[in-house]
PDB file of N, CA and C in Angstrom:
ATOM      1  N   UNK A   1      44.786  41.441   2.956  1.00  0.00           N
ATOM      2  CA  UNK A   1      44.270  40.244   3.699  1.00  0.00           C
ATOM      3  C   UNK A   1      44.044  39.140   2.725  1.00  0.00           C
ATOM      4  N   UNK A   2      43.902  38.015   3.289  1.00  0.00           N
ATOM      5  CA  UNK A   2      43.806  36.745   2.506  1.00  0.00           C
ATOM      6  C   UNK A   2      42.272  36.432   2.356  1.00  0.00           C
ATOM      7  N   UNK A   3      41.972  35.499   1.628  1.00  0.00           N
ATOM      8  CA  UNK A   3      40.607  35.144   1.367  1.00  0.00           C
ATOM      9  C   UNK A   3      40.169  34.153   2.482  1.00  0.00           C
ATOM     10  N   UNK A   4      39.180  33.281   2.269  1.00  0.00           N
ATOM     11  CA  UNK A   4      38.531  32.376   3.101  1.00  0.00           C
ATOM     12  C   UNK A   4      39.701  31.666   3.848  1.00  0.00           C
ATOM     13  N   UNK A   5      39.413  31.329   5.090  1.00  0.00           N
ATOM     14  CA  UNK A   5      40.393  30.779   6.061  1.00  0.00           C
ATOM     15  C   UNK A   5      41.276  31.684   6.779  1.00  0.00           C
ATOM     16  N   UNK A   6      41.239  32.920   6.272  1.00  0.00           N
ATOM     17  CA  UNK A   6      41.653  34.117   7.103  1.00  0.00           C
ATOM     18  C   UNK A   6      43.066  34.000   7.569  1.00  0.00           C
ATOM     19  N   UNK A   7      44.095  33.728   6.651  1.00  0.00           N
ATOM     20  CA  UNK A   7      45.486  33.747   7.058  1.00  0.00           C
ATOM     21  C   UNK A   7      45.987  35.072   7.290  1.00  0.00           C
ATOM     22  N   UNK A   8      45.507  36.042   6.684  1.00  0.00           N
ATOM     23  CA  UNK A   8      46.149  37.387   6.723  1.00  0.00           C
ATOM     24  C   UNK A   8      45.600  38.216   7.804  1.00  0.00           C
ATOM     25  N   UNK A   9      46.497  39.023   8.534  1.00  0.00           N
ATOM     26  CA  UNK A   9      46.010  39.902   9.616  1.00  0.00           C
ATOM     27  C   UNK A   9      46.393  41.386   9.254  1.00  0.00           C
ATOM     28  N   UNK A  10      45.452  42.220   9.323  1.00  0.00           N
ATOM     29  CA  UNK A  10      45.914  43.653   9.089  1.00  0.00           C
ATOM     30  C   UNK A  10      45.107  44.440  10.211  1.00  0.00           C
ATOM     31  N   UNK A  11      46.133  45.166  11.007  1.00  0.00           N
ATOM     32  CA  UNK A  11      45.787  45.959  12.044  1.00  0.00           C
ATOM     33  C   UNK A  11      44.928  45.325  13.062  1.00  0.00           C
ATOM     34  N   UNK A  12      45.322  44.024  13.242  1.00  0.00           N
ATOM     35  CA  UNK A  12      44.563  43.089  14.348  1.00  0.00           C
ATOM     36  C   UNK A  12      43.340  42.315  13.887  1.00  0.00           C
ATOM     37  N   UNK A  13      42.989  42.721  12.640  1.00  0.00           N
ATOM     38  CA  UNK A  13      41.817  42.105  12.081  1.00  0.00           C
ATOM     39  C   UNK A  13      42.156  40.972  11.156  1.00  0.00           C
ATOM     40  N   UNK A  14      41.477  39.774  11.214  1.00  0.00           N
ATOM     41  CA  UNK A  14      41.629  38.718  10.397  1.00  0.00           C
ATOM     42  C   UNK A  14      40.438  38.272   9.654  1.00  0.00           C
ATOM     43  N   UNK A  15      40.636  38.094   8.334  1.00  0.00           N
ATOM     44  CA  UNK A  15      39.580  37.662   7.431  1.00  0.00           C
ATOM     45  C   UNK A  15      39.020  36.287   8.011  1.00  0.00           C
ATOM     46  N   UNK A  16      37.751  36.117   8.358  1.00  0.00           N
ATOM     47  CA  UNK A  16      37.284  34.907   8.757  1.00  0.00           C
ATOM     48  C   UNK A  16      36.406  34.213   7.775  1.00  0.00           C
ATOM     49  N   UNK A  17      35.545  34.870   6.971  1.00  0.00           N
ATOM     50  CA  UNK A  17      34.626  34.161   6.112  1.00  0.00           C
ATOM     51  C   UNK A  17      34.051  35.199   5.225  1.00  0.00           C
ATOM     52  N   UNK A  18      33.258  34.726   4.313  1.00  0.00           N
ATOM     53  CA  UNK A  18      32.373  35.521   3.458  1.00  0.00           C
ATOM     54  C   UNK A  18      31.123  35.668   4.245  1.00  0.00           C
ATOM     55  N   UNK A  19      30.540  36.945   4.201  1.00  0.00           N
ATOM     56  CA  UNK A  19      29.111  37.283   4.739  1.00  0.00           C
ATOM     57  C   UNK A  19      28.162  36.132   4.347  1.00  0.00           C
ATOM     58  N   UNK A  20      28.163  35.720   3.013  1.00  0.00           N
ATOM     59  CA  UNK A  20      27.176  34.704   2.553  1.00  0.00           C
ATOM     60  C   UNK A  20      27.405  33.357   3.007  1.00  0.00           C
ATOM     61  N   UNK A  21      28.634  33.069   3.736  1.00  0.00           N
ATOM     62  CA  UNK A  21      28.802  31.712   4.280  1.00  0.00           C
ATOM     63  C   UNK A  21      27.924  31.468   5.459  1.00  0.00           C
ATOM     64  N   UNK A  22      27.351  32.460   6.085  1.00  0.00           N
ATOM     65  CA  UNK A  22      26.463  32.393   7.288  1.00  0.00           C
ATOM     66  C   UNK A  22      25.024  32.692   7.005  1.00  0.00           C
ATOM     67  N   UNK A  23      24.062  31.927   7.154  1.00  0.00           N
ATOM     68  CA  UNK A  23      22.650  32.297   6.985  1.00  0.00           C
ATOM     69  C   UNK A  23      22.208  32.924   8.209  1.00  0.00           C
ATOM     70  N   UNK A  24      21.268  33.872   8.042  1.00  0.00           N
ATOM     71  CA  UNK A  24      20.577  34.541   9.086  1.00  0.00           C
ATOM     72  C   UNK A  24      20.152  33.536  10.219  1.00  0.00           C
ATOM     73  N   UNK A  25      20.450  34.047  11.454  1.00  0.00           N
ATOM     74  CA  UNK A  25      20.079  33.160  12.706  1.00  0.00           C
ATOM     75  C   UNK A  25      20.687  31.876  12.636  1.00  0.00           C
ATOM     76  N   UNK A  26      22.088  31.765  12.233  1.00  0.00           N
ATOM     77  CA  UNK A  26      22.841  30.608  12.196  1.00  0.00           C
ATOM     78  C   UNK A  26      24.333  30.788  12.792  1.00  0.00           C
ATOM     79  N   UNK A  27      25.058  29.774  12.845  1.00  0.00           N
ATOM     80  CA  UNK A  27      26.497  29.890  13.344  1.00  0.00           C
ATOM     81  C   UNK A  27      27.250  28.889  12.443  1.00  0.00           C
ATOM     82  N   UNK A  28      28.477  29.308  12.311  1.00  0.00           N
ATOM     83  CA  UNK A  28      29.502  28.384  11.757  1.00  0.00           C
ATOM     84  C   UNK A  28      30.766  28.428  12.520  1.00  0.00           C
ATOM     85  N   UNK A  29      31.621  27.360  12.273  1.00  0.00           N
ATOM     86  CA  UNK A  29      32.939  27.530  12.837  1.00  0.00           C
ATOM     87  C   UNK A  29      33.963  27.722  11.907  1.00  0.00           C
ATOM     88  N   UNK A  30      34.833  28.607  12.159  1.00  0.00           N
ATOM     89  CA  UNK A  30      35.943  29.107  11.221  1.00  0.00           C
ATOM     90  C   UNK A  30      37.298  28.860  11.943  1.00  0.00           C
ATOM     91  N   UNK A  31      38.384  28.737  11.073  1.00  0.00           N
ATOM     92  CA  UNK A  31      39.619  28.674  11.604  1.00  0.00           C
ATOM     93  C   UNK A  31      40.314  29.746  10.812  1.00  0.00           C
ATOM     94  N   UNK A  32      41.096  30.612  11.592  1.00  0.00           N
ATOM     95  CA  UNK A  32      41.866  31.648  10.926  1.00  0.00           C
ATOM     96  C   UNK A  32      43.064  32.076  11.964  1.00  0.00           C
ATOM     97  N   UNK A  33      44.091  32.391  11.427  1.00  0.00           N
ATOM     98  CA  UNK A  33      45.207  32.922  12.266  1.00  0.00           C
ATOM     99  C   UNK A  33      45.602  31.830  13.257  1.00  0.00           C
ATOM    100  N   UNK A  34      45.329  30.493  12.982  1.00  0.00           N
ATOM    101  CA  UNK A  34      45.719  29.545  13.893  1.00  0.00           C
ATOM    102  C   UNK A  34      44.751  29.289  14.999  1.00  0.00           C
ATOM    103  N   UNK A  35      43.583  29.856  14.996  1.00  0.00           N
ATOM    104  CA  UNK A  35      42.654  29.888  16.046  1.00  0.00           C
ATOM    105  C   UNK A  35      41.278  29.469  15.531  1.00  0.00           C
ATOM    106  N   UNK A  36      40.418  28.946  16.332  1.00  0.00           N
ATOM    107  CA  UNK A  36      39.057  28.542  15.866  1.00  0.00           C
ATOM    108  C   UNK A  36      38.108  29.465  16.624  1.00  0.00           C
ATOM    109  N   UNK A  37      36.966  29.833  15.891  1.00  0.00           N
ATOM    110  CA  UNK A  37      35.983  30.705  16.376  1.00  0.00           C
ATOM    111  C   UNK A  37      34.554  30.206  15.938  1.00  0.00           C
ATOM    112  N   UNK A  38      33.520  30.475  16.741  1.00  0.00           N
ATOM    113  CA  UNK A  38      32.108  30.342  16.303  1.00  0.00           C
ATOM    114  C   UNK A  38      31.664  31.702  15.774  1.00  0.00           C
ATOM    115  N   UNK A  39      31.156  31.825  14.557  1.00  0.00           N
ATOM    116  CA  UNK A  39      30.692  33.101  13.979  1.00  0.00           C
ATOM    117  C   UNK A  39      29.182  33.012  13.709  1.00  0.00           C
ATOM    118  N   UNK A  40      28.561  33.956  14.280  1.00  0.00           N
ATOM    119  CA  UNK A  40      26.950  34.050  14.203  1.00  0.00           C
ATOM    120  C   UNK A  40      26.602  35.103  13.297  1.00  0.00           C
ATOM    121  N   UNK A  41      25.313  34.891  12.817  1.00  0.00           N
ATOM    122  CA  UNK A  41      24.654  36.029  12.002  1.00  0.00           C
ATOM    123  C   UNK A  41      23.366  36.096  12.726  1.00  0.00           C
ATOM    124  N   UNK A  42      23.082  37.296  13.303  1.00  0.00           N
ATOM    125  CA  UNK A  42      21.815  37.500  13.957  1.00  0.00           C
ATOM    126  C   UNK A  42      20.570  37.760  13.205  1.00  0.00           C
ATOM    127  N   UNK A  43      19.350  37.617  13.790  1.00  0.00           N
ATOM    128  CA  UNK A  43      18.197  37.995  12.922  1.00  0.00           C
ATOM    129  C   UNK A  43      18.263  39.433  12.544  1.00  0.00           C
ATOM    130  N   UNK A  44      18.981  40.229  13.214  1.00  0.00           N
ATOM    131  CA  UNK A  44      19.171  41.618  12.872  1.00  0.00           C
ATOM    132  C   UNK A  44      20.293  41.949  11.728  1.00  0.00           C
ATOM    133  N   UNK A  45      20.794  40.763  11.202  1.00  0.00           N
ATOM    134  CA  UNK A  45      21.881  40.898  10.213  1.00  0.00           C
ATOM    135  C   UNK A  45      23.171  41.444  10.805  1.00  0.00           C
ATOM    136  N   UNK A  46      23.475  41.249  12.032  1.00  0.00           N
ATOM    137  CA  UNK A  46      24.838  41.558  12.451  1.00  0.00           C
ATOM    138  C   UNK A  46      25.536  40.334  12.853  1.00  0.00           C
ATOM    139  N   UNK A  47      26.929  40.527  12.862  1.00  0.00           N
ATOM    140  CA  UNK A  47      27.677  39.400  12.967  1.00  0.00           C
ATOM    141  C   UNK A  47      28.500  39.398  14.255  1.00  0.00           C
ATOM    142  N   UNK A  48      28.715  38.228  14.915  1.00  0.00           N
ATOM    143  CA  UNK A  48      29.353  38.135  16.257  1.00  0.00           C
ATOM    144  C   UNK A  48      30.223  36.863  16.253  1.00  0.00           C
ATOM    145  N   UNK A  49      31.253  36.911  17.164  1.00  0.00           N
ATOM    146  CA  UNK A  49      32.124  35.813  17.236  1.00  0.00           C
ATOM    147  C   UNK A  49      32.437  35.508  18.651  1.00  0.00           C
ATOM    148  N   UNK A  50      32.508  34.147  19.092  1.00  0.00           N
ATOM    149  CA  UNK A  50      32.731  33.628  20.468  1.00  0.00           C
ATOM    150  C   UNK A  50      33.839  32.509  20.293  1.00  0.00           C
ATOM    151  N   UNK A  51      34.377  32.123  21.301  1.00  0.00           N
ATOM    152  CA  UNK A  51      35.189  30.818  21.343  1.00  0.00           C
ATOM    153  C   UNK A  51      34.225  29.806  20.853  1.00  0.00           C
ATOM    154  N   UNK A  52      34.779  28.832  20.206  1.00  0.00           N
ATOM    155  CA  UNK A  52      33.937  27.791  19.464  1.00  0.00           C
ATOM    156  C   UNK A  52      33.354  26.642  20.275  1.00  0.00           C
ATOM    157  N   UNK A  53      33.749  26.520  21.565  1.00  0.00           N
ATOM    158  CA  UNK A  53      33.336  25.368  22.410  1.00  0.00           C
ATOM    159  C   UNK A  53      32.582  25.868  23.539  1.00  0.00           C
ATOM    160  N   UNK A  54      31.490  25.095  24.064  1.00  0.00           N
ATOM    161  CA  UNK A  54      30.794  25.353  25.142  1.00  0.00           C
ATOM    162  C   UNK A  54      31.686  25.243  26.477  1.00  0.00           C
ATOM    163  N   UNK A  55      31.523  26.086  27.341  1.00  0.00           N
ATOM    164  CA  UNK A  55      32.325  26.095  28.573  1.00  0.00           C
ATOM    165  C   UNK A  55      32.042  25.032  29.539  1.00  0.00           C
ATOM    166  N   UNK A  56      30.905  24.238  29.323  1.00  0.00           N
ATOM    167  CA  UNK A  56      30.474  23.236  30.154  1.00  0.00           C
ATOM    168  C   UNK A  56      31.297  21.880  29.886  1.00  0.00           C
ATOM    169  N   UNK A  57      31.082  21.374  28.670  1.00  0.00           N
ATOM    170  CA  UNK A  57      31.849  20.150  28.305  1.00  0.00           C
ATOM    171  C   UNK A  57      32.550  20.160  26.983  1.00  0.00           C
ATOM    172  N   UNK A  58      32.767  21.363  26.468  1.00  0.00           N
ATOM    173  CA  UNK A  58      33.643  21.586  25.263  1.00  0.00           C
ATOM    174  C   UNK A  58      33.067  21.124  24.051  1.00  0.00           C
ATOM    175  N   UNK A  59      31.777  20.950  23.871  1.00  0.00           N
ATOM    176  CA  UNK A  59      30.995  20.635  22.522  1.00  0.00           C
ATOM    177  C   UNK A  59      31.091  21.828  21.758  1.00  0.00           C
ATOM    178  N   UNK A  60      31.193  21.514  20.336  1.00  0.00           N
ATOM    179  CA  UNK A  60      31.260  22.481  19.266  1.00  0.00           C
ATOM    180  C   UNK A  60      29.807  23.241  19.203  1.00  0.00           C
ATOM    181  N   UNK A  61      29.973  24.597  19.401  1.00  0.00           N
ATOM    182  CA  UNK A  61      28.841  25.460  19.440  1.00  0.00           C
ATOM    183  C   UNK A  61      28.303  25.592  17.908  1.00  0.00           C
ATOM    184  N   UNK A  62      29.064  25.179  16.884  1.00  0.00           N
ATOM    185  CA  UNK A  62      28.602  25.273  15.521  1.00  0.00           C
ATOM    186  C   UNK A  62      27.559  24.211  15.242  1.00  0.00           C
ATOM    187  N   UNK A  63      27.521  23.219  16.127  1.00  0.00           N
ATOM    188  CA  UNK A  63      26.471  22.252  16.053  1.00  0.00           C
ATOM    189  C   UNK A  63      25.261  22.538  16.842  1.00  0.00           C
ATOM    190  N   UNK A  64      25.177  23.713  17.447  1.00  0.00           N
ATOM    191  CA  UNK A  64      24.047  24.045  18.300  1.00  0.00           C
ATOM    192  C   UNK A  64      22.921  24.793  17.425  1.00  0.00           C
ATOM    193  N   UNK A  65      21.973  25.223  18.193  1.00  0.00           N
ATOM    194  CA  UNK A  65      20.786  25.866  17.706  1.00  0.00           C
ATOM    195  C   UNK A  65      20.793  27.348  18.103  1.00  0.00           C
ATOM    196  N   UNK A  66      20.725  28.248  16.960  1.00  0.00           N
ATOM    197  CA  UNK A  66      20.646  29.795  17.350  1.00  0.00           C
ATOM    198  C   UNK A  66      19.176  30.042  17.165  1.00  0.00           C
ATOM    199  N   UNK A  67      18.704  30.798  18.222  1.00  0.00           N
ATOM    200  CA  UNK A  67      17.338  31.377  18.281  1.00  0.00           C
ATOM    201  C   UNK A  67      17.535  32.728  18.812  1.00  0.00           C
ATOM    202  N   UNK A  68      17.229  33.723  18.012  1.00  0.00           N
ATOM    203  CA  UNK A  68      17.398  35.095  18.487  1.00  0.00           C
ATOM    204  C   UNK A  68      18.935  35.464  18.805  1.00  0.00           C
ATOM    205  N   UNK A  69      19.174  35.833  19.969  1.00  0.00           N
ATOM    206  CA  UNK A  69      20.469  36.144  20.516  1.00  0.00           C
ATOM    207  C   UNK A  69      21.215  35.038  21.214  1.00  0.00           C
ATOM    208  N   UNK A  70      20.570  33.849  21.197  1.00  0.00           N
ATOM    209  CA  UNK A  70      20.974  32.690  22.108  1.00  0.00           C
ATOM    210  C   UNK A  70      21.572  31.551  21.207  1.00  0.00           C
ATOM    211  N   UNK A  71      22.623  30.942  21.611  1.00  0.00           N
ATOM    212  CA  UNK A  71      23.134  29.751  21.145  1.00  0.00           C
ATOM    213  C   UNK A  71      22.908  28.613  22.157  1.00  0.00           C
ATOM    214  N   UNK A  72      22.274  27.502  21.698  1.00  0.00           N
ATOM    215  CA  UNK A  72      22.017  26.420  22.571  1.00  0.00           C
ATOM    216  C   UNK A  72      23.015  25.276  22.267  1.00  0.00           C
ATOM    217  N   UNK A  73      23.806  24.859  23.257  1.00  0.00           N
ATOM    218  CA  UNK A  73      24.737  23.793  22.910  1.00  0.00           C
ATOM    219  C   UNK A  73      24.100  22.481  22.674  1.00  0.00           C
ATOM    220  N   UNK A  74      24.608  21.765  21.774  1.00  0.00           N
ATOM    221  CA  UNK A  74      23.925  20.633  21.287  1.00  0.00           C
ATOM    222  C   UNK A  74      24.187  19.358  22.230  1.00  0.00           C
ATOM    223  N   UNK A  75      25.099  19.447  23.206  1.00  0.00           N
ATOM    224  CA  UNK A  75      25.216  18.328  24.047  1.00  0.00           C
ATOM    225  C   UNK A  75      24.301  18.310  25.321  1.00  0.00           C
ATOM    226  N   UNK A  76      24.283  19.319  26.022  1.00  0.00           N
ATOM    227  CA  UNK A  76      23.372  19.321  27.312  1.00  0.00           C
ATOM    228  C   UNK A  76      22.520  20.565  27.368  1.00  0.00           C
ATOM    229  N   UNK A  77      22.290  21.204  26.210  1.00  0.00           N
ATOM    230  CA  UNK A  77      21.325  22.230  26.227  1.00  0.00           C
ATOM    231  C   UNK A  77      21.543  23.439  26.947  1.00  0.00           C
ATOM    232  N   UNK A  78      22.897  23.646  27.478  1.00  0.00           N
ATOM    233  CA  UNK A  78      23.236  24.969  28.095  1.00  0.00           C
ATOM    234  C   UNK A  78      23.107  26.064  26.957  1.00  0.00           C
ATOM    235  N   UNK A  79      22.832  27.295  27.454  1.00  0.00           N
ATOM    236  CA  UNK A  79      22.483  28.456  26.537  1.00  0.00           C
ATOM    237  C   UNK A  79      23.364  29.595  26.913  1.00  0.00           C
ATOM    238  N   UNK A  80      23.718  30.339  25.956  1.00  0.00           N
ATOM    239  CA  UNK A  80      24.612  31.542  25.999  1.00  0.00           C
ATOM    240  C   UNK A  80      24.003  32.639  25.104  1.00  0.00           C
ATOM    241  N   UNK A  81      24.093  33.859  25.493  1.00  0.00           N
ATOM    242  CA  UNK A  81      23.936  35.015  24.706  1.00  0.00           C
ATOM    243  C   UNK A  81      25.102  35.252  23.884  1.00  0.00           C
ATOM    244  N   UNK A  82      25.085  34.891  22.588  1.00  0.00           N
ATOM    245  CA  UNK A  82      26.343  34.852  21.872  1.00  0.00           C
ATOM    246  C   UNK A  82      26.880  36.332  21.644  1.00  0.00           C
ATOM    247  N   UNK A  83      25.967  37.398  21.834  1.00  0.00           N
ATOM    248  CA  UNK A  83      26.400  38.787  21.695  1.00  0.00           C
ATOM    249  C   UNK A  83      27.276  39.284  22.837  1.00  0.00           C
ATOM    250  N   UNK A  84      26.893  38.730  24.062  1.00  0.00           N
ATOM    251  CA  UNK A  84      27.589  39.233  25.339  1.00  0.00           C
ATOM    252  C   UNK A  84      28.352  38.095  25.946  1.00  0.00           C
ATOM    253  N   UNK A  85      28.197  36.961  25.451  1.00  0.00           N
ATOM    254  CA  UNK A  85      28.998  35.730  26.062  1.00  0.00           C
ATOM    255  C   UNK A  85      28.413  35.190  27.359  1.00  0.00           C
ATOM    256  N   UNK A  86      27.292  35.802  27.748  1.00  0.00           N
ATOM    257  CA  UNK A  86      26.755  35.432  29.161  1.00  0.00           C
ATOM    258  C   UNK A  86      26.036  33.983  29.107  1.00  0.00           C
ATOM    259  N   UNK A  87      26.338  33.246  30.112  1.00  0.00           N
ATOM    260  CA  UNK A  87      25.782  31.914  30.289  1.00  0.00           C
ATOM    261  C   UNK A  87      24.393  32.194  30.724  1.00  0.00           C
ATOM    262  N   UNK A  88      23.351  31.563  30.127  1.00  0.00           N
ATOM    263  CA  UNK A  88      22.009  31.780  30.297  1.00  0.00           C
ATOM    264  C   UNK A  88      21.186  30.685  31.058  1.00  0.00           C
ATOM    265  N   UNK A  89      21.696  29.523  30.806  1.00  0.00           N
ATOM    266  CA  UNK A  89      21.006  28.250  31.386  1.00  0.00           C
ATOM    267  C   UNK A  89      22.008  27.231  31.647  1.00  0.00           C
ATOM    268  N   UNK A  90      21.826  26.651  32.852  1.00  0.00           N
ATOM    269  CA  UNK A  90      22.683  25.468  33.213  1.00  0.00           C
ATOM    270  C   UNK A  90      22.395  24.425  32.256  1.00  0.00           C
ATOM    271  N   UNK A  91      23.309  23.493  32.055  1.00  0.00           N
ATOM    272  CA  UNK A  91      24.592  23.265  33.060  1.00  0.00           C
ATOM    273  C   UNK A  91      25.695  24.371  32.615  1.00  0.00           C
ATOM    274  N   UNK A  92      25.552  25.215  31.640  1.00  0.00           N
ATOM    275  CA  UNK A  92      26.441  26.220  31.323  1.00  0.00           C
ATOM    276  C   UNK A  92      26.541  27.273  32.586  1.00  0.00           C
ATOM    277  N   UNK A  93      27.689  27.421  33.178  1.00  0.00           N
ATOM    278  CA  UNK A  93      27.771  28.557  34.205  1.00  0.00           C
ATOM    279  C   UNK A  93      28.842  29.473  33.802  1.00  0.00           C
ATOM    280  N   UNK A  94      29.842  29.118  33.136  1.00  0.00           N
ATOM    281  CA  UNK A  94      30.964  29.961  32.671  1.00  0.00           C
ATOM    282  C   UNK A  94      30.702  30.655  31.474  1.00  0.00           C
ATOM    283  N   UNK A  95      30.855  32.052  31.360  1.00  0.00           N
ATOM    284  CA  UNK A  95      30.622  32.840  30.153  1.00  0.00           C
ATOM    285  C   UNK A  95      31.476  32.337  29.017  1.00  0.00           C
ATOM    286  N   UNK A  96      31.094  32.674  27.762  1.00  0.00           N
ATOM    287  CA  UNK A  96      31.835  32.548  26.534  1.00  0.00           C
ATOM    288  C   UNK A  96      32.721  33.702  26.481  1.00  0.00           C
ATOM    289  N   UNK A  97      33.876  33.496  25.858  1.00  0.00           N
ATOM    290  CA  UNK A  97      34.850  34.761  25.406  1.00  0.00           C
ATOM    291  C   UNK A  97      34.262  35.199  24.083  1.00  0.00           C
ATOM    292  N   UNK A  98      33.883  36.441  24.005  1.00  0.00           N
ATOM    293  CA  UNK A  98      33.519  37.079  22.755  1.00  0.00           C
ATOM    294  C   UNK A  98      34.596  37.874  22.053  1.00  0.00           C
ATOM    295  N   UNK A  99      34.526  38.028  20.783  1.00  0.00           N
ATOM    296  CA  UNK A  99      35.627  38.636  19.981  1.00  0.00           C
ATOM    297  C   UNK A  99      34.954  39.758  18.983  1.00  0.00           C
ATOM    298  N   UNK A 100      35.570  40.893  18.987  1.00  0.00           N
ATOM    299  CA  UNK A 100      34.973  41.972  18.071  1.00  0.00           C
ATOM    300  C   UNK A 100      34.998  41.491  16.706  1.00  0.00           C
ATOM    301  N   UNK A 101      33.943  41.897  16.023  1.00  0.00           N
ATOM    302  CA  UNK A 101      33.661  41.482  14.597  1.00  0.00           C
ATOM    303  C   UNK A 101      33.202  42.666  13.710  1.00  0.00           C
ATOM    304  N   UNK A 102      33.617  42.778  12.535  1.00  0.00           N
ATOM    305  CA  UNK A 102      33.037  43.706  11.620  1.00  0.00           C
ATOM    306  C   UNK A 102      32.793  42.993  10.172  1.00  0.00           C
ATOM    307  N   UNK A 103      31.825  43.517   9.400  1.00  0.00           N
ATOM    308  CA  UNK A 103      31.679  43.075   8.090  1.00  0.00           C
ATOM    309  C   UNK A 103      31.827  44.276   7.265  1.00  0.00           C
ATOM    310  N   UNK A 104      32.635  43.975   6.203  1.00  0.00           N
ATOM    311  CA  UNK A 104      33.077  44.958   5.236  1.00  0.00           C
ATOM    312  C   UNK A 104      33.221  44.291   3.786  1.00  0.00           C
ATOM    313  N   UNK A 105      32.679  44.850   2.840  1.00  0.00           N
ATOM    314  CA  UNK A 105      32.841  44.448   1.380  1.00  0.00           C
ATOM    315  C   UNK A 105      32.601  42.864   1.284  1.00  0.00           C
ATOM    316  N   UNK A 106      31.590  42.455   1.917  1.00  0.00           N
ATOM    317  CA  UNK A 106      31.093  41.029   1.733  1.00  0.00           C
ATOM    318  C   UNK A 106      31.929  40.056   2.534  1.00  0.00           C
ATOM    319  N   UNK A 107      32.839  40.438   3.379  1.00  0.00           N
ATOM    320  CA  UNK A 107      33.697  39.645   4.231  1.00  0.00           C
ATOM    321  C   UNK A 107      33.435  39.851   5.820  1.00  0.00           C
ATOM    322  N   UNK A 108      33.646  39.010   6.498  1.00  0.00           N
ATOM    323  CA  UNK A 108      33.548  38.948   8.020  1.00  0.00           C
ATOM    324  C   UNK A 108      34.858  39.019   8.639  1.00  0.00           C
ATOM    325  N   UNK A 109      35.223  39.904   9.469  1.00  0.00           N
ATOM    326  CA  UNK A 109      36.560  40.045  10.052  1.00  0.00           C
ATOM    327  C   UNK A 109      36.434  39.931  11.536  1.00  0.00           C
ATOM    328  N   UNK A 110      37.339  39.316  12.141  1.00  0.00           N
ATOM    329  CA  UNK A 110      37.504  39.056  13.569  1.00  0.00           C
ATOM    330  C   UNK A 110      38.775  39.692  14.192  1.00  0.00           C
ATOM    331  N   UNK A 111      38.607  40.548  15.154  1.00  0.00           N
ATOM    332  CA  UNK A 111      39.767  41.277  15.740  1.00  0.00           C
ATOM    333  C   UNK A 111      40.497  40.258  16.869  1.00  0.00           C
ATOM    334  N   UNK A 112      41.842  40.011  16.657  1.00  0.00           N
ATOM    335  CA  UNK A 112      42.478  39.104  17.488  1.00  0.00           C
ATOM    336  C   UNK A 112      42.861  39.862  18.715  1.00  0.00           C
TER     337      UNK A 112
END
């Protein structure tokens, strides 16, 4: 697999970023394998990934606020549970797509 930027794919998993690239209870946007993802680090130190844009008006969730298991969109304050993708507060009504994630050897991998 490749380093940051995640160009390499092995068994469906792509290298997205370093574990240390994401602070606890935060989100970053990454691009790997020609796609963009929002990657989250929960207060429980687990990693999660969703599509990068709010389903309401396509604002970048990486600019949003993470509190617990919730990401709040910076544009109109819609909320989602980033672990399940569930839309939790209007104006967001459509759920986010979530993607399997694993952390190994200091790296975060997303399954395509």
